[in-house]
Protein backbone atom coordinates (compact mmCIF):
# COMPACT_ATOMS: atom_id res chain seq x y z
CA MET A 1 49.51 -51.50 -42.63
CA THR A 2 51.37 -48.10 -43.86
CA ALA A 3 48.67 -46.32 -45.34
CA HIS A 4 48.59 -42.52 -43.41
CA PHE A 5 45.57 -39.73 -43.60
CA THR A 6 45.56 -37.50 -46.26
CA ALA A 7 44.76 -33.67 -45.30
CA ARG A 8 41.53 -32.96 -47.43
CA ALA A 9 40.20 -29.54 -45.59
CA PRO A 10 43.44 -28.14 -44.17
CA ASP A 11 41.49 -24.59 -43.26
CA HIS A 12 39.03 -26.37 -40.68
CA TRP A 13 39.57 -25.23 -37.28
CA VAL A 14 40.34 -29.05 -36.44
CA PHE A 15 43.22 -28.59 -38.18
CA ALA A 16 45.01 -25.47 -37.35
CA LEU A 17 48.75 -24.66 -36.51
CA THR A 18 49.64 -28.06 -37.65
CA ASP A 19 51.03 -26.62 -41.10
CA LEU A 20 49.07 -29.48 -43.25
CA GLN A 21 48.08 -28.95 -46.75
CA GLU A 22 45.92 -29.79 -49.51
CA GLY A 23 47.40 -33.29 -49.81
CA ASP A 24 49.68 -33.44 -46.73
CA SER A 25 49.90 -36.98 -45.17
CA PHE A 26 50.02 -37.27 -41.04
CA GLY A 27 49.83 -39.71 -38.94
CA THR A 28 52.77 -41.80 -38.60
CA PHE A 29 54.76 -42.00 -35.88
CA GLY A 30 58.02 -44.24 -34.42
CA ASP A 31 59.96 -46.12 -37.14
CA GLY A 32 57.12 -45.71 -40.01
CA GLU A 33 54.05 -46.88 -37.76
CA THR A 34 50.49 -45.53 -38.36
CA VAL A 35 47.75 -44.27 -36.43
CA VAL A 36 45.92 -46.21 -39.63
CA GLY A 37 44.89 -48.93 -37.10
CA TYR A 38 43.76 -52.51 -37.71
CA GLU A 39 40.18 -51.61 -37.13
CA ILE A 40 39.50 -48.19 -39.08
CA ASP A 41 35.90 -47.07 -40.25
CA GLN A 42 34.32 -46.27 -43.89
CA ALA A 43 31.74 -43.28 -44.47
CA THR A 44 28.53 -44.63 -45.97
CA ASP A 45 25.82 -42.63 -47.60
CA HIS A 46 23.72 -42.90 -44.70
CA ARG A 47 24.68 -39.83 -42.89
CA ASP A 48 23.22 -36.01 -43.53
CA ASP A 49 24.83 -33.63 -45.01
CA SER A 50 26.59 -31.88 -41.83
CA TRP A 51 29.27 -33.62 -42.05
CA THR A 52 32.53 -32.46 -43.15
CA THR A 53 35.69 -35.35 -44.39
CA LEU A 54 38.55 -33.82 -42.99
CA ALA A 55 41.08 -36.59 -44.10
CA ASP A 56 40.79 -39.93 -45.63
CA VAL A 57 43.13 -42.91 -46.13
CA ALA A 58 42.52 -46.01 -48.43
CA PHE A 59 43.77 -48.71 -47.50
CA THR A 60 43.77 -52.50 -49.04
CA PRO A 61 42.34 -54.88 -45.57
CA LYS A 62 44.26 -58.02 -44.85
CA GLY A 63 43.57 -60.39 -46.49
CA ALA A 64 42.10 -58.65 -49.86
CA LYS A 65 42.80 -60.03 -52.97
CA PRO A 66 45.26 -57.94 -55.51
CA SER A 67 41.94 -57.33 -58.33
CA ASP A 68 40.45 -55.47 -55.19
CA PRO A 69 40.51 -51.86 -55.05
CA PRO A 70 41.24 -50.11 -52.18
CA GLN A 71 38.74 -49.17 -48.89
CA VAL A 72 38.66 -45.83 -47.63
CA ALA A 73 38.62 -44.56 -44.42
CA THR A 74 37.43 -40.68 -43.74
CA MET A 75 38.20 -38.62 -40.85
CA MET A 76 34.96 -36.18 -40.42
CA ILE A 77 33.28 -33.62 -38.49
CA SER A 78 29.29 -33.01 -38.10
CA GLU A 79 28.11 -29.75 -35.96
CA LYS A 80 25.24 -29.56 -36.63
CA ALA A 81 23.27 -29.63 -33.40
CA GLY A 82 26.18 -31.04 -30.71
CA ALA A 83 29.45 -31.75 -32.33
CA VAL A 84 30.64 -35.53 -33.62
CA PHE A 85 34.48 -35.87 -34.61
CA THR A 86 35.64 -39.35 -35.72
CA ALA A 87 39.15 -40.37 -36.25
CA SER A 88 37.74 -43.76 -38.39
CA THR A 89 40.55 -45.48 -36.08
CA ILE A 90 41.29 -46.93 -32.71
CA ASP A 91 45.08 -46.45 -32.55
CA TRP A 92 44.97 -42.72 -32.03
CA THR A 93 46.27 -42.61 -29.50
CA LEU A 94 49.36 -44.39 -30.13
CA GLY A 95 50.24 -41.62 -32.74
CA LEU A 96 50.58 -38.93 -29.55
CA SER A 97 53.96 -37.83 -28.58
CA GLN A 98 55.44 -37.89 -25.40
CA ASP A 99 57.31 -34.92 -25.17
CA ASP A 100 57.78 -31.08 -27.46
CA ASP A 101 60.62 -32.67 -29.48
CA SER A 102 58.01 -34.84 -31.67
CA TRP A 103 55.32 -33.15 -31.21
CA SER A 104 52.73 -33.93 -34.35
CA ALA A 105 49.67 -33.40 -35.96
CA VAL A 106 48.34 -35.84 -33.99
CA ASP A 107 48.92 -33.98 -30.86
CA GLN A 108 47.86 -30.82 -32.17
CA ILE A 109 45.15 -31.92 -33.57
CA THR A 110 43.89 -33.99 -30.52
CA LEU A 111 44.67 -30.86 -29.01
CA ASN A 112 42.40 -28.41 -30.98
CA LEU A 113 39.39 -30.75 -30.50
CA PHE A 114 40.38 -30.21 -26.41
CA VAL A 115 40.49 -26.49 -26.78
CA ARG A 116 37.17 -26.56 -29.18
CA PHE A 117 34.91 -29.03 -26.98
CA ALA A 118 35.99 -28.31 -23.67
CA GLY A 119 37.30 -24.48 -23.97
CA LEU A 120 40.40 -25.04 -22.24
CA GLY A 121 42.71 -22.72 -24.50
CA PRO A 122 43.20 -19.46 -26.00
CA ALA A 123 40.59 -18.44 -28.81
CA CYS A 124 38.77 -15.92 -30.75
CA ASP A 125 35.61 -16.97 -31.93
CA ILE A 126 33.71 -13.90 -34.92
CA VAL A 127 30.53 -14.08 -34.13
CA GLY A 128 27.65 -12.92 -36.72
CA PHE A 129 24.03 -12.50 -37.12
CA ASP A 130 21.74 -12.39 -39.59
CA ALA A 131 18.61 -10.28 -40.44
CA ASN A 132 16.55 -12.08 -37.15
CA GLY A 133 19.12 -11.90 -34.65
CA ALA A 134 19.81 -15.82 -35.32
CA VAL A 135 23.87 -16.58 -34.92
CA GLN A 136 24.38 -17.19 -38.78
CA VAL A 137 28.70 -17.03 -38.43
CA ASP A 138 30.40 -18.73 -35.52
CA ARG A 139 34.46 -19.22 -35.92
CA THR A 140 36.34 -20.16 -33.42
CA ASN A 141 39.99 -19.51 -34.17
CA LEU A 142 43.24 -21.29 -32.07
CA GLY A 143 46.39 -20.94 -31.33
CA PHE A 144 46.07 -16.61 -29.83
CA ARG A 145 48.26 -16.05 -26.73
CA SER A 146 47.11 -16.30 -23.48
CA SER A 147 47.90 -12.55 -22.18
CA TRP A 148 46.58 -10.34 -24.80
CA GLU A 149 44.79 -7.72 -21.98
CA VAL A 150 43.23 -5.09 -25.08
CA MET A 151 41.44 -5.63 -27.80
CA LEU A 152 39.92 -3.01 -30.27
CA ALA A 153 38.62 -2.87 -33.94
CA GLY A 154 38.34 -0.61 -37.14
CA ALA A 155 40.55 -0.18 -40.49
CA PHE A 156 43.91 -0.66 -39.27
CA THR A 157 44.94 -2.42 -42.75
CA ARG A 158 42.40 -1.78 -45.65
CA THR A 159 39.36 -0.18 -45.74
CA ASP A 160 36.95 -2.61 -46.71
CA ARG A 161 36.44 -4.39 -43.09
CA ASP A 162 37.75 -3.95 -39.90
CA GLN A 163 41.00 -5.82 -38.05
CA LEU A 164 41.96 -6.48 -34.65
CA VAL A 165 44.29 -4.87 -32.66
CA LEU A 166 45.98 -6.44 -29.52
CA TYR A 167 48.46 -4.97 -27.03
CA ASP A 168 49.91 -7.61 -24.18
CA PRO A 169 51.41 -5.38 -21.75
CA ASP A 170 53.75 -8.13 -19.96
CA GLY A 171 54.54 -8.91 -23.31
CA GLY A 172 55.22 -5.91 -25.05
CA ALA A 173 53.18 -7.15 -27.93
CA LEU A 174 50.72 -5.37 -30.00
CA ALA A 175 49.26 -7.79 -32.69
CA ILE A 176 46.80 -7.13 -35.75
CA VAL A 177 44.66 -9.58 -36.97
CA GLY A 178 41.98 -9.88 -39.85
CA PHE A 179 39.98 -12.28 -40.56
CA ASP A 180 38.42 -13.65 -44.18
CA GLY A 181 34.32 -13.67 -45.18
CA THR A 182 34.12 -16.77 -43.42
CA GLY A 183 35.60 -15.39 -39.70
CA ARG A 184 38.91 -17.48 -40.26
CA VAL A 185 42.04 -15.61 -39.32
CA ASP A 186 43.83 -14.63 -42.48
CA LEU A 187 46.18 -11.87 -41.40
CA ASP A 188 48.09 -11.93 -37.89
CA HIS A 189 51.18 -9.78 -37.52
CA THR A 190 52.71 -9.27 -33.83
CA ASP A 191 55.40 -6.77 -33.58
CA GLU A 192 56.99 -7.56 -30.00
CA THR A 193 59.08 -3.99 -29.52
CA VAL A 194 56.09 -1.19 -28.90
CA GLY A 195 56.83 -1.64 -24.76
CA SER A 196 55.51 -2.61 -21.84
CA ASN A 197 54.67 0.76 -20.05
CA TRP A 198 51.45 1.56 -21.50
CA THR A 199 48.92 2.21 -19.45
CA SER A 200 46.01 3.83 -22.10
CA VAL A 201 45.82 2.26 -25.80
CA VAL A 202 44.01 4.41 -28.18
CA ALA A 203 42.40 3.71 -31.57
CA GLY A 204 41.53 6.42 -33.91
CA SER A 205 42.03 8.05 -37.86
CA PHE A 206 44.88 10.57 -36.49
CA ILE A 207 46.63 11.00 -39.90
CA GLY A 208 43.84 11.24 -42.38
CA ASN A 209 45.21 8.16 -44.47
CA GLY A 210 41.52 6.15 -44.62
CA ARG A 211 43.05 3.39 -41.67
CA LYS A 212 42.89 4.12 -38.16
CA GLN A 213 46.50 4.34 -36.06
CA VAL A 214 46.72 2.68 -32.32
CA LEU A 215 48.02 5.84 -29.54
CA LEU A 216 49.98 4.58 -26.99
CA TYR A 217 50.14 6.50 -23.63
CA ASP A 218 52.56 5.76 -20.26
CA LYS A 219 50.71 8.05 -17.37
CA SER A 220 53.51 7.61 -15.08
CA SER A 221 56.21 9.31 -17.93
CA GLY A 222 53.94 11.49 -20.23
CA ASP A 223 55.67 9.14 -23.27
CA VAL A 224 52.88 8.40 -26.19
CA LEU A 225 54.01 6.78 -29.22
CA LEU A 226 51.13 6.69 -32.06
CA VAL A 227 51.54 4.13 -34.38
CA GLY A 228 50.32 2.74 -38.12
CA PHE A 229 50.35 0.28 -40.08
CA ASP A 230 50.70 -1.40 -43.49
CA GLY A 231 48.19 -3.57 -45.64
CA ALA A 232 50.35 -6.57 -44.59
CA GLY A 233 50.06 -5.62 -40.33
CA ALA A 234 53.69 -4.37 -40.25
CA ILE A 235 54.19 -1.20 -38.27
CA ASN A 236 55.13 1.55 -41.39
CA LEU A 237 54.42 4.40 -38.73
CA ARG A 238 56.81 4.48 -35.16
CA ARG A 239 56.18 8.39 -34.21
CA PRO A 240 57.27 8.55 -29.66
CA ASP A 241 56.73 11.98 -28.08
CA SER A 242 57.14 12.45 -24.65
CA GLY A 243 56.48 15.48 -22.41
CA TRP A 244 53.19 15.01 -22.28
CA ARG A 245 51.24 15.62 -18.35
CA ILE A 246 51.00 12.44 -16.29
CA SER A 247 47.99 13.62 -14.79
CA TRP A 248 45.67 12.25 -17.49
CA ASP A 249 42.45 10.34 -15.75
CA LEU A 250 40.16 9.83 -19.22
CA ILE A 251 41.33 9.79 -23.21
CA VAL A 252 39.36 8.94 -25.22
CA ALA A 253 39.24 9.68 -29.78
CA GLY A 254 36.97 11.10 -32.12
CA ASP A 255 36.31 14.03 -35.00
CA PHE A 256 35.80 16.83 -32.26
CA ILE A 257 36.85 19.52 -34.97
CA GLY A 258 35.72 18.65 -37.87
CA ASN A 259 38.36 17.90 -39.87
CA GLY A 260 37.72 14.52 -41.16
CA ARG A 261 40.74 12.85 -38.65
CA GLY A 262 40.19 11.91 -35.33
CA GLN A 263 41.45 13.62 -32.46
CA LEU A 264 42.55 13.10 -28.82
CA LEU A 265 39.82 14.59 -25.71
CA LEU A 266 42.27 14.20 -22.89
CA TYR A 267 40.58 14.86 -19.49
CA ASP A 268 42.57 15.80 -15.94
CA HIS A 269 40.39 15.51 -13.09
CA ALA A 270 42.48 17.60 -10.53
CA GLY A 271 43.13 20.11 -12.49
CA GLY A 272 39.82 20.40 -14.39
CA THR A 273 41.26 20.56 -17.68
CA ALA A 274 40.58 19.02 -20.84
CA ASP A 275 42.45 19.22 -24.38
CA VAL A 276 42.08 18.41 -27.56
CA VAL A 277 45.48 17.13 -29.68
CA GLY A 278 45.16 16.40 -33.27
CA PHE A 279 48.17 15.23 -35.71
CA ASP A 280 49.15 15.44 -38.95
CA GLY A 281 49.48 13.55 -41.86
CA ASN A 282 53.24 12.58 -40.67
CA GLY A 283 51.55 11.61 -36.96
CA ASN A 284 53.74 14.97 -35.64
CA VAL A 285 51.03 16.79 -32.93
CA ASN A 286 50.08 20.03 -34.81
CA LEU A 287 46.82 20.85 -32.42
CA ASP A 288 47.24 21.13 -28.68
CA THR A 289 44.36 23.40 -27.22
CA SER A 290 43.38 23.42 -23.32
CA ASN A 291 40.23 23.73 -22.22
CA THR A 292 40.01 25.06 -18.68
CA GLY A 293 37.57 25.27 -15.77
CA TRP A 294 36.07 22.23 -16.20
CA ARG A 295 34.02 20.20 -13.36
CA PRO A 296 36.70 17.94 -11.65
CA SER A 297 34.33 15.12 -11.22
CA TRP A 298 33.44 13.45 -14.12
CA ASP A 299 33.40 9.55 -13.86
CA TRP A 300 33.33 8.87 -18.48
CA MET A 301 33.65 10.46 -21.12
CA VAL A 302 31.94 8.71 -24.50
CA PRO A 303 32.24 10.63 -27.67
CA GLY A 304 29.59 10.22 -30.23
CA HIS A 305 27.88 12.60 -32.94
CA PHE A 306 24.26 12.88 -30.47
CA PHE A 307 23.85 16.42 -32.81
CA GLY A 308 23.27 14.66 -36.16
CA ASN A 309 26.09 17.06 -37.66
CA ARG A 310 29.73 15.69 -39.11
CA THR A 311 31.99 16.96 -35.73
CA SER A 312 31.87 14.14 -32.66
CA GLU A 313 30.60 15.84 -29.75
CA VAL A 314 31.64 13.99 -26.16
CA TRP A 315 28.83 12.77 -23.29
CA LEU A 316 29.99 13.52 -19.68
CA CYS A 317 29.03 12.60 -16.90
CA ASP A 318 29.31 12.88 -13.02
CA ARG A 319 27.73 10.28 -11.09
CA SER A 320 27.95 12.14 -7.40
CA GLY A 321 26.56 14.96 -9.15
CA ASN A 322 23.84 13.27 -10.72
CA VAL A 323 24.77 15.43 -14.01
CA ALA A 324 25.59 14.87 -17.34
CA GLU A 325 26.79 17.58 -20.32
CA ILE A 326 27.21 16.80 -24.03
CA VAL A 327 30.35 19.19 -24.87
CA ALA A 328 31.41 20.20 -28.85
CA PHE A 329 34.32 22.08 -29.77
CA ASP A 330 34.98 24.61 -32.47
CA GLU A 331 37.76 23.99 -35.25
CA GLY A 332 40.91 25.14 -33.05
CA GLY A 333 39.44 22.35 -30.04
CA HIS A 334 37.89 25.05 -28.23
CA PHE A 335 34.61 23.68 -26.39
CA ASN A 336 31.78 26.26 -27.95
CA THR A 337 28.42 24.23 -27.02
CA LEU A 338 27.09 22.59 -23.47
CA ARG A 339 24.29 20.69 -23.02
CA THR A 340 23.08 20.11 -19.79
CA LEU A 341 21.05 17.20 -18.84
CA ASP A 342 20.43 17.02 -15.26
CA PRO A 343 19.89 14.35 -13.25
CA PHE A 344 21.16 12.04 -14.83
CA GLY A 345 20.50 9.68 -12.60
CA SER A 346 24.15 8.48 -9.70
CA ASN A 347 23.18 5.16 -10.21
CA ARG A 348 24.22 4.92 -13.56
CA GLY A 349 27.98 2.40 -14.10
CA GLY A 350 28.13 3.25 -17.50
CA ALA A 351 26.89 3.99 -20.72
CA ILE A 352 27.86 3.59 -24.57
CA ALA A 353 26.90 5.36 -27.74
CA GLY A 354 24.81 4.15 -31.03
CA ASP A 355 22.04 5.05 -33.10
CA PHE A 356 19.73 3.25 -31.52
CA MET A 357 16.80 4.29 -32.71
CA GLY A 358 18.07 4.93 -36.40
CA LEU A 359 17.61 8.77 -36.60
CA SER A 360 21.19 9.08 -38.30
CA ARG A 361 22.71 10.30 -35.25
CA GLN A 362 23.51 8.38 -32.01
CA GLN A 363 22.29 8.56 -28.27
CA ILE A 364 23.15 7.15 -25.15
CA MET A 365 22.88 3.22 -23.81
CA ARG A 366 23.00 4.52 -19.85
CA TYR A 367 23.68 0.95 -17.68
CA THR A 368 23.14 0.91 -13.66
CA ASP A 369 26.00 -1.90 -13.40
CA GLN A 370 26.90 -5.00 -13.95
CA SER A 371 23.77 -6.24 -11.66
CA GLY A 372 21.90 -5.55 -15.34
CA ILE A 373 18.31 -5.16 -14.57
CA ALA A 374 18.21 -0.80 -14.97
CA GLY A 375 19.00 1.12 -18.28
CA ASP A 376 17.71 3.14 -20.93
CA VAL A 377 18.57 5.20 -24.58
CA VAL A 378 18.67 8.54 -23.94
CA GLY A 379 18.90 11.03 -26.88
CA VAL A 380 19.41 14.62 -27.53
CA ALA A 381 15.96 15.26 -28.92
CA PRO A 382 12.95 15.23 -27.31
CA ASP A 383 10.84 11.62 -26.23
CA LEU A 384 14.12 9.57 -26.35
CA ASP A 385 14.22 8.43 -22.72
CA VAL A 386 13.36 4.97 -22.64
CA VAL A 387 13.35 2.04 -19.95
CA ALA A 388 14.27 -1.18 -20.10
CA GLY A 389 12.44 -3.43 -18.81
CA ASP A 390 13.57 -7.06 -18.95
CA TRP A 391 16.94 -6.77 -17.99
CA THR A 392 16.77 -9.92 -16.03
CA GLN A 393 20.20 -11.32 -15.90
CA PRO A 394 23.61 -9.87 -14.70
CA TRP A 395 26.11 -9.53 -17.19
CA ASP A 396 30.20 -9.91 -17.92
CA LEU A 397 30.30 -7.40 -21.28
CA LEU A 398 28.54 -5.49 -23.26
CA VAL A 399 28.89 -4.56 -26.64
CA ALA A 400 26.69 -2.64 -29.62
CA GLY A 401 27.15 -2.83 -33.28
CA ARG A 402 24.62 -3.04 -36.22
CA PHE A 403 24.65 -6.90 -35.63
CA LYS A 404 21.59 -7.25 -38.09
CA GLY A 405 22.85 -5.07 -40.97
CA THR A 406 19.83 -2.80 -40.44
CA SER A 407 20.18 1.67 -39.14
CA ARG A 408 19.63 0.51 -36.03
CA MET A 409 21.86 -0.74 -33.38
CA GLU A 410 21.48 -3.63 -31.04
CA PHE A 411 23.45 -4.76 -27.93
CA LEU A 412 24.10 -7.67 -26.64
CA LEU A 413 25.09 -8.46 -22.87
CA TYR A 414 27.12 -11.58 -22.55
CA THR A 415 26.98 -13.62 -18.91
CA ALA A 416 30.26 -15.78 -18.43
CA SER A 417 28.60 -17.72 -15.56
CA THR A 418 25.84 -19.42 -17.28
CA GLY A 419 27.68 -18.93 -20.81
CA SER A 420 24.61 -17.57 -22.30
CA ALA A 421 24.22 -14.08 -23.70
CA ALA A 422 21.36 -12.08 -25.06
CA LEU A 423 20.26 -9.24 -27.92
CA PHE A 424 18.27 -6.33 -27.25
CA GLY A 425 17.31 -3.76 -29.25
CA LEU A 426 14.68 -0.54 -30.15
CA ASP A 427 11.56 -1.38 -31.90
CA PRO A 428 9.87 1.68 -33.93
CA ALA A 429 7.94 2.74 -30.93
CA GLY A 430 11.02 3.34 -29.13
CA ASN A 431 10.49 -0.04 -26.61
CA ILE A 432 13.89 -1.94 -25.60
CA SER A 433 12.97 -5.49 -26.28
CA ARG A 434 14.61 -8.54 -25.81
CA ARG A 435 15.35 -10.01 -29.45
CA GLN A 436 17.20 -13.36 -29.40
CA ASP A 437 18.69 -15.26 -25.87
CA PHE A 438 21.98 -17.42 -26.56
CA SER A 439 22.87 -20.78 -24.74
CA GLY A 440 25.86 -23.03 -25.32
CA TRP A 441 28.93 -20.29 -25.21
CA ARG A 442 32.02 -20.40 -23.25
CA SER A 443 32.12 -19.39 -20.21
CA ASP A 444 35.79 -17.68 -20.57
CA TRP A 445 35.08 -14.80 -22.69
CA VAL A 446 36.96 -11.89 -21.34
CA LEU A 447 37.33 -9.55 -23.86
CA ALA A 448 34.73 -8.23 -26.80
CA ALA A 449 34.74 -5.96 -30.01
CA CYS A 450 32.45 -4.58 -32.77
CA GLY A 451 33.45 -4.60 -36.25
CA ARG A 452 32.96 -4.95 -40.01
CA PHE A 453 34.91 -8.26 -39.54
CA LEU A 454 33.81 -9.87 -42.56
CA GLY A 455 32.60 -7.15 -45.09
CA ASN A 456 29.49 -8.05 -45.63
CA GLY A 457 27.64 -4.46 -44.42
CA SER A 458 26.92 -5.83 -41.24
CA ASP A 459 28.42 -5.67 -37.85
CA GLN A 460 30.54 -8.81 -36.32
CA LEU A 461 31.40 -10.00 -32.40
CA ALA A 462 34.65 -10.58 -31.39
CA LEU A 463 35.76 -12.86 -28.48
CA TYR A 464 38.07 -13.42 -26.94
CA ASP A 465 39.35 -15.74 -24.19
CA ARG A 466 42.41 -16.36 -23.00
CA GLY A 467 42.12 -20.33 -21.89
CA ARG A 468 43.20 -22.29 -19.19
CA PHE A 469 46.63 -23.03 -20.10
């Protein structure tokens, strides 16, 4: 038999990195031999609609008459509850290569199946939710490098949806990855020339062109690089700078002066100093305002719109001093508003900002640590202190977003050891409740980001796994 498979669904993850197009043939090896063996399977009508035809092969069985129509075998997959893949041939393994020089579509498909089903290789999942918080989209994208250390979400190349920026400090690479409406990667551009020396990577709308840019800071040298991107993900703005102080400990971005652009807020513990730094449309620094006399013991800074103004404020927390402050700035970057919140809780391990109450201004969701049994939501208006009573699991990743597409944000906790996650939100009475529980997730997600990756009005979750080989 000399038949070969014909690809019918080349965009499916099973065919990732094969370069197969609709109608392309595959499955031959050696001197024209084929994986379509003497025993193959035909699809029948006795199956549900969960089955996807990936490829097929028309063949004439041995002993058939010349007038007999050819028969068709089908490579298929079902992902209804679990997942079942059938290659529809007993000779599939004969097509596996024994060395890299002869790597074929059969090899890549086999690897993709192991990566997907066993969670072995680097991957990025886009997970979307319906109005009830149930998973509606779960798209696995393979072929990612295993050395990404930073993952940020934002509108870097287009404004109708978000993309990911990934940074690999060992390889000195910066990548832009975008997705179509199903969560499949449709943009993947990597620049290998940004350098491996950067210690901080921050995203913001620094130059006012409607998109976000990325600023990279090297604490050892005081060097800075501001980069922006065109619609294809290529770097079209590369603005280096030097002479920045080498003692900045915390760096965040926000529209602190209310000019419709993003600025940096940089904080130096030892000096008790915080600078607001802004940029012009070409990426050159046009604002650098120092604010002195700050407490030298802030542990974290969280930017947000806590007062409901058009400007950003920053939430500061000092765990040892059991105190927090909200700080705002005037149009020149000078500190002009202070709200002290005392006591804040010396046991707090971190905080994230979000409009969890649906009030058109943001609150802070505070948590103790990753043992995960205590947390609350605090706002600057009265009666916005709500203690959660059902955080009963340790967690490794915490992400907030408008996953259900409403005015209220939810937050998701992911636990690697159990491959599980839980979605939490606030009800109209201000009580934190557990909305959904998820199981069967990979146990190796190490980075997470929230963004409008599908462009459908809701936020989705991006999860990255470095893989095991």
